[in-house]
Amino acid sequence: MTITIKGREYTVTPHSESQTGIRGEGTTYVITGKRGHKWYTCRNTHTTHAMFLLPEKGFTKTMDGVWLSDKNGTLEVIS
């Protein structure tokens, strides 16, 4: 599956506990860019279908202001 965020295309894969990096409840998807940068989606506690992105390494590659949702069964940008 792919998703376009801010004009760039990313690969979306489900997050599994066997992957390295950020783990925990609420981490649902891994978003991977063409150069290999990875972000993890983390669910909002009050609006559980809304997710924000956490970078795999450091905070130099942030996606401020990007919210995603899988409320309709597919991952999409909501703002």
N, C-alpha and C. Protein backbone atom coordinates (compact mmCIF):
# COMPACT_ATOMS: atom_id res chain seq x y z
N MET A 1 0.85 -1.17 0.00
CA MET A 1 0.00 0.00 0.00
C MET A 1 0.89 1.24 0.00
N THR A 2 0.47 2.28 -0.67
CA THR A 2 1.21 3.54 -0.68
C THR A 2 0.29 4.68 -0.26
N ILE A 3 0.91 5.75 0.20
CA ILE A 3 0.18 6.95 0.60
C ILE A 3 1.00 8.16 0.17
N THR A 4 0.33 9.23 -0.22
CA THR A 4 1.01 10.46 -0.60
C THR A 4 0.83 11.48 0.52
N ILE A 5 1.95 11.97 1.05
CA ILE A 5 1.95 12.97 2.12
C ILE A 5 2.80 14.14 1.66
N LYS A 6 2.20 15.32 1.62
CA LYS A 6 2.90 16.54 1.20
C LYS A 6 3.58 16.36 -0.15
N GLY A 7 2.89 15.70 -1.09
CA GLY A 7 3.39 15.52 -2.44
C GLY A 7 4.42 14.42 -2.63
N ARG A 8 4.73 13.68 -1.60
CA ARG A 8 5.70 12.58 -1.69
C ARG A 8 5.02 11.25 -1.42
N GLU A 9 5.48 10.22 -2.12
CA GLU A 9 4.88 8.90 -1.97
C GLU A 9 5.66 8.06 -0.97
N TYR A 10 4.91 7.37 -0.10
CA TYR A 10 5.49 6.53 0.94
C TYR A 10 4.86 5.15 0.90
N THR A 11 5.62 4.15 1.32
CA THR A 11 5.12 2.79 1.44
C THR A 11 4.58 2.58 2.84
N VAL A 12 3.43 1.96 2.94
CA VAL A 12 2.78 1.70 4.23
C VAL A 12 2.78 0.21 4.49
N THR A 13 3.27 -0.19 5.66
CA THR A 13 3.22 -1.59 6.07
C THR A 13 2.69 -1.65 7.50
N PRO A 14 2.01 -2.74 7.85
CA PRO A 14 1.56 -2.90 9.23
C PRO A 14 2.76 -3.05 10.16
N HIS A 15 2.67 -2.52 11.35
CA HIS A 15 3.75 -2.63 12.34
C HIS A 15 3.56 -3.92 13.11
N SER A 16 4.63 -4.67 13.27
CA SER A 16 4.56 -5.88 14.09
C SER A 16 5.57 -5.78 15.23
N GLU A 17 5.31 -6.47 16.30
CA GLU A 17 6.18 -6.42 17.48
C GLU A 17 7.59 -6.96 17.19
N SER A 18 7.74 -7.74 16.12
CA SER A 18 9.06 -8.31 15.81
C SER A 18 9.99 -7.29 15.16
N GLN A 19 9.45 -6.14 14.70
CA GLN A 19 10.28 -5.12 14.09
C GLN A 19 11.04 -4.34 15.15
N THR A 20 12.21 -3.87 14.77
CA THR A 20 12.98 -3.04 15.70
C THR A 20 12.45 -1.62 15.64
N GLY A 21 12.84 -0.81 16.57
CA GLY A 21 12.39 0.58 16.61
C GLY A 21 11.35 0.77 17.69
N ILE A 22 10.44 1.69 17.46
CA ILE A 22 9.42 2.04 18.44
C ILE A 22 8.41 0.91 18.53
N ARG A 23 8.09 0.51 19.72
CA ARG A 23 7.09 -0.53 19.94
C ARG A 23 6.09 -0.04 20.97
N GLY A 24 4.95 -0.64 20.95
CA GLY A 24 3.98 -0.33 22.00
C GLY A 24 2.58 -0.23 21.49
N GLU A 25 1.68 -0.13 22.41
CA GLU A 25 0.27 -0.03 22.09
C GLU A 25 0.00 1.25 21.31
N GLY A 26 -0.74 1.15 20.25
CA GLY A 26 -1.08 2.32 19.45
C GLY A 26 -0.19 2.51 18.23
N THR A 27 0.95 1.85 18.17
CA THR A 27 1.81 1.95 17.00
C THR A 27 1.29 0.95 15.98
N THR A 28 0.69 1.45 14.90
CA THR A 28 -0.06 0.61 13.99
C THR A 28 0.62 0.38 12.64
N TYR A 29 1.16 1.44 12.04
CA TYR A 29 1.74 1.35 10.71
C TYR A 29 3.17 1.88 10.69
N VAL A 30 3.93 1.42 9.70
CA VAL A 30 5.27 1.95 9.42
C VAL A 30 5.18 2.62 8.06
N ILE A 31 5.57 3.89 8.00
CA ILE A 31 5.58 4.66 6.75
C ILE A 31 7.04 4.79 6.33
N THR A 32 7.39 4.32 5.13
CA THR A 32 8.77 4.32 4.67
C THR A 32 8.90 5.16 3.41
N GLY A 33 9.85 6.11 3.43
CA GLY A 33 10.12 6.94 2.27
C GLY A 33 11.04 6.25 1.28
N LYS A 34 11.19 6.84 0.11
CA LYS A 34 12.01 6.25 -0.95
C LYS A 34 13.49 6.16 -0.57
N ARG A 35 13.94 7.03 0.33
CA ARG A 35 15.34 7.00 0.78
C ARG A 35 15.54 6.16 2.03
N GLY A 36 14.49 5.50 2.50
CA GLY A 36 14.60 4.60 3.64
C GLY A 36 14.25 5.18 4.99
N HIS A 37 13.91 6.48 5.04
CA HIS A 37 13.48 7.06 6.32
C HIS A 37 12.16 6.43 6.73
N LYS A 38 12.03 6.14 8.03
CA LYS A 38 10.82 5.49 8.53
C LYS A 38 10.15 6.33 9.61
N TRP A 39 8.83 6.30 9.60
CA TRP A 39 8.01 6.91 10.63
C TRP A 39 7.02 5.86 11.11
N TYR A 40 6.63 5.97 12.36
CA TYR A 40 5.63 5.08 12.94
C TYR A 40 4.39 5.89 13.25
N THR A 41 3.21 5.32 12.99
CA THR A 41 1.99 6.02 13.36
C THR A 41 1.68 5.70 14.81
N CYS A 42 1.19 6.69 15.51
CA CYS A 42 0.82 6.54 16.91
C CYS A 42 -0.58 7.13 17.08
N ARG A 43 -1.48 6.36 17.64
CA ARG A 43 -2.87 6.79 17.76
C ARG A 43 -3.07 7.86 18.84
N ASN A 44 -3.95 8.79 18.54
CA ASN A 44 -4.38 9.80 19.50
C ASN A 44 -5.27 9.10 20.53
N THR A 45 -5.08 9.40 21.80
CA THR A 45 -5.86 8.71 22.84
C THR A 45 -7.32 9.15 22.89
N HIS A 46 -7.61 10.37 22.48
CA HIS A 46 -8.99 10.87 22.54
C HIS A 46 -9.77 10.59 21.27
N THR A 47 -9.10 10.62 20.11
CA THR A 47 -9.72 10.33 18.83
C THR A 47 -8.94 9.17 18.24
N THR A 48 -9.33 7.95 18.55
CA THR A 48 -8.50 6.78 18.27
C THR A 48 -8.28 6.48 16.80
N HIS A 49 -9.11 7.00 15.91
CA HIS A 49 -8.86 6.77 14.49
C HIS A 49 -7.81 7.74 13.94
N ALA A 50 -7.51 8.82 14.66
CA ALA A 50 -6.51 9.80 14.22
C ALA A 50 -5.12 9.39 14.71
N MET A 51 -4.13 9.51 13.82
CA MET A 51 -2.76 9.11 14.15
C MET A 51 -1.77 10.20 13.74
N PHE A 52 -0.73 10.38 14.54
CA PHE A 52 0.36 11.27 14.17
C PHE A 52 1.59 10.42 13.90
N LEU A 53 2.64 11.03 13.38
CA LEU A 53 3.83 10.29 12.96
C LEU A 53 5.02 10.57 13.86
N LEU A 54 5.73 9.52 14.23
CA LEU A 54 6.97 9.62 15.00
C LEU A 54 8.11 9.08 14.15
N PRO A 55 9.20 9.85 14.02
CA PRO A 55 10.33 9.35 13.23
C PRO A 55 11.04 8.20 13.93
N GLU A 56 11.62 7.30 13.14
CA GLU A 56 12.33 6.15 13.71
C GLU A 56 13.58 6.59 14.47
N LYS A 57 14.31 7.56 13.90
CA LYS A 57 15.56 8.01 14.51
C LYS A 57 15.54 9.52 14.68
N GLY A 58 15.70 9.96 15.91
CA GLY A 58 15.79 11.40 16.17
C GLY A 58 14.54 12.14 15.78
N PHE A 59 14.65 13.44 15.74
CA PHE A 59 13.52 14.26 15.35
C PHE A 59 13.90 15.25 14.26
N THR A 60 14.90 14.89 13.43
CA THR A 60 15.32 15.77 12.35
C THR A 60 14.41 15.66 11.14
N LYS A 61 13.75 14.53 10.98
CA LYS A 61 12.85 14.30 9.84
C LYS A 61 11.41 14.25 10.33
N THR A 62 10.90 15.36 10.83
CA THR A 62 9.55 15.37 11.38
C THR A 62 8.52 15.66 10.29
N MET A 63 7.29 15.31 10.56
CA MET A 63 6.16 15.63 9.68
C MET A 63 5.14 16.37 10.53
N ASP A 64 5.50 17.56 10.97
CA ASP A 64 4.61 18.35 11.81
C ASP A 64 3.31 18.67 11.08
N GLY A 65 2.22 18.58 11.80
CA GLY A 65 0.92 18.94 11.26
C GLY A 65 0.28 17.88 10.39
N VAL A 66 0.89 16.72 10.26
CA VAL A 66 0.31 15.64 9.45
C VAL A 66 -0.45 14.69 10.36
N TRP A 67 -1.73 14.51 10.07
CA TRP A 67 -2.56 13.55 10.79
C TRP A 67 -3.12 12.56 9.79
N LEU A 68 -3.11 11.30 10.17
CA LEU A 68 -3.61 10.22 9.33
C LEU A 68 -4.79 9.55 10.01
N SER A 69 -5.61 8.86 9.21
CA SER A 69 -6.76 8.14 9.77
C SER A 69 -6.98 6.85 8.99
N ASP A 70 -7.42 5.82 9.69
CA ASP A 70 -7.83 4.57 9.04
C ASP A 70 -9.28 4.26 9.38
N LYS A 71 -10.04 5.31 9.67
CA LYS A 71 -11.44 5.17 10.07
C LYS A 71 -12.27 4.46 9.00
N ASN A 72 -11.97 4.71 7.72
CA ASN A 72 -12.74 4.11 6.63
C ASN A 72 -12.12 2.81 6.12
N GLY A 73 -11.13 2.27 6.83
CA GLY A 73 -10.53 1.01 6.44
C GLY A 73 -9.23 1.14 5.63
N THR A 74 -8.95 2.34 5.13
CA THR A 74 -7.68 2.59 4.45
C THR A 74 -7.00 3.79 5.07
N LEU A 75 -5.69 3.79 5.07
CA LEU A 75 -4.93 4.88 5.67
C LEU A 75 -4.97 6.08 4.73
N GLU A 76 -5.32 7.26 5.27
CA GLU A 76 -5.39 8.48 4.47
C GLU A 76 -5.01 9.69 5.31
N VAL A 77 -4.57 10.74 4.63
CA VAL A 77 -4.21 11.99 5.29
C VAL A 77 -5.49 12.76 5.58
N ILE A 78 -5.62 13.23 6.85
CA ILE A 78 -6.82 14.01 7.19
C ILE A 78 -6.51 15.48 7.43
N SER A 79 -5.22 15.84 7.52
CA SER A 79 -4.85 17.27 7.59
C SER A 79 -3.38 17.43 7.37
